[in-house]
Amino acid sequence: MATRDDNLTDVRTIKASEFKAKCLKLMDEVANSGVEIVITKNGRPVSRLVPYRDEEPTMFGRNRDQIRILGDIISPLEFDWDEERELALIQGKNPDKPAIGPK
């Protein structure tokens, strides 16, 4: 029996006894078709046979062993930061030219 699950993918349901008899054939079918098989016992789902997919690499740990920390990254920096000047530079304005206000 073929149905569709919540993710709108095809799903086939079979009894555990049928799965036991046709296990290798069913594995090939799933690999070739991409259709998931839900295996049931006494009418209740107990397992899923799904096609194997390589996991997408995550961002977490991607640069492990590629970045070195040189010096103290915890202590505060010891210089003054002119945030208004920095903002003017980011906005493409001349930070050294005084702003002209309304007259």
Protein backbone atom coordinates (compact mmCIF):
# COMPACT_ATOMS: atom_id res chain seq x y z
CA MET A 1 0.00 0.00 0.00
CA ALA A 2 1.43 3.39 -1.00
CA THR A 3 0.47 6.58 0.79
CA ARG A 4 1.94 10.03 1.28
CA ASP A 5 3.34 11.27 4.59
CA ASP A 6 3.29 14.81 6.01
CA ASN A 7 6.31 15.81 3.89
CA LEU A 8 4.48 14.85 0.66
CA THR A 9 6.85 11.98 -0.15
CA ASP A 10 5.72 8.57 -1.28
CA VAL A 11 5.54 5.97 1.49
CA ARG A 12 4.83 2.28 1.12
CA THR A 13 3.57 0.15 4.04
CA ILE A 14 4.25 -3.58 4.39
CA LYS A 15 3.87 -6.23 7.08
CA ALA A 16 6.95 -7.42 8.95
CA SER A 17 6.45 -10.95 7.59
CA GLU A 18 6.60 -9.64 4.00
CA PHE A 19 9.67 -7.55 4.85
CA LYS A 20 11.38 -10.62 6.31
CA ALA A 21 10.73 -12.63 3.15
CA LYS A 22 11.77 -9.88 0.71
CA CYS A 23 14.32 -7.86 2.68
CA LEU A 24 17.14 -7.64 0.11
CA LYS A 25 14.75 -6.97 -2.78
CA LEU A 26 13.03 -4.22 -0.79
CA MET A 27 16.37 -2.62 0.08
CA ASP A 28 17.20 -2.42 -3.64
CA GLU A 29 13.76 -0.97 -4.41
CA VAL A 30 14.15 1.76 -1.80
CA ALA A 31 17.66 2.60 -3.01
CA ASN A 32 16.52 2.83 -6.65
CA SER A 33 13.12 4.48 -6.25
CA GLY A 34 13.69 6.64 -3.17
CA VAL A 35 10.30 5.53 -1.81
CA GLU A 36 10.26 4.97 1.95
CA ILE A 37 8.82 1.72 3.34
CA VAL A 38 7.08 1.60 6.72
CA ILE A 39 7.18 -1.87 8.29
CA THR A 40 4.26 -2.83 10.51
CA LYS A 41 3.59 -5.48 13.15
CA ASN A 42 -0.02 -6.17 14.04
CA GLY A 43 -1.03 -3.13 11.99
CA ARG A 44 1.21 -0.71 13.92
CA PRO A 45 4.32 0.92 12.42
CA VAL A 46 7.52 -0.37 14.02
CA SER A 47 10.26 0.63 11.60
CA ARG A 48 11.11 2.60 8.47
CA LEU A 49 13.32 1.65 5.55
CA VAL A 50 14.54 4.85 3.90
CA PRO A 51 17.04 5.56 1.12
CA TYR A 52 20.54 6.42 2.32
CA ARG A 53 21.59 10.03 1.77
CA ASP A 54 24.94 11.55 2.57
CA GLU A 55 24.57 14.08 5.36
CA GLU A 56 25.02 17.71 4.46
CA PRO A 57 28.02 19.18 6.26
CA THR A 58 27.04 21.68 8.93
CA MET A 59 28.70 24.99 9.71
CA PHE A 60 29.45 23.79 13.24
CA GLY A 61 33.07 22.68 13.44
CA ARG A 62 33.79 23.42 9.79
CA ASN A 63 36.99 25.37 10.56
CA ARG A 64 38.18 23.14 13.36
CA ASP A 65 41.98 22.93 13.47
CA GLN A 66 42.24 25.68 10.83
CA ILE A 67 42.09 28.74 13.08
CA ARG A 68 44.70 29.71 15.64
CA ILE A 69 44.16 32.24 18.39
CA LEU A 70 47.17 34.46 18.91
CA GLY A 71 47.15 36.43 22.11
CA ASP A 72 44.49 37.29 24.65
CA ILE A 73 40.96 37.34 23.21
CA ILE A 74 39.22 37.79 26.57
CA SER A 75 40.59 41.06 27.97
CA PRO A 76 39.16 44.35 26.69
CA LEU A 77 41.11 46.23 24.06
CA GLU A 78 42.98 49.27 25.27
CA PHE A 79 42.09 51.92 22.74
CA ASP A 80 39.29 54.41 22.27
CA TRP A 81 36.84 53.76 19.48
CA ASP A 82 35.11 56.66 17.80
CA GLU A 83 31.88 54.92 16.81
CA GLU A 84 30.39 58.05 15.21
CA ARG A 85 33.41 58.40 12.92
CA GLU A 86 33.25 54.69 12.08
CA LEU A 87 29.53 54.98 11.27
CA ALA A 88 30.19 57.96 9.00
CA LEU A 89 32.84 55.97 7.12
CA ILE A 90 30.48 53.02 6.72
CA GLN A 91 27.76 55.33 5.40
CA GLY A 92 30.19 56.83 2.87
CA LYS A 93 30.31 60.23 4.55
CA ASN A 94 33.37 62.31 5.31
CA PRO A 95 33.87 61.87 9.06
CA ASP A 96 36.14 64.91 9.31
CA LYS A 97 33.61 67.32 7.76
CA PRO A 98 31.16 68.73 10.30
CA ALA A 99 27.50 67.98 9.67
CA ILE A 100 25.46 70.96 8.53
CA GLY A 101 22.23 71.29 10.46
CA PRO A 102 19.08 73.28 9.68
CA LYS A 103 19.33 77.09 9.93
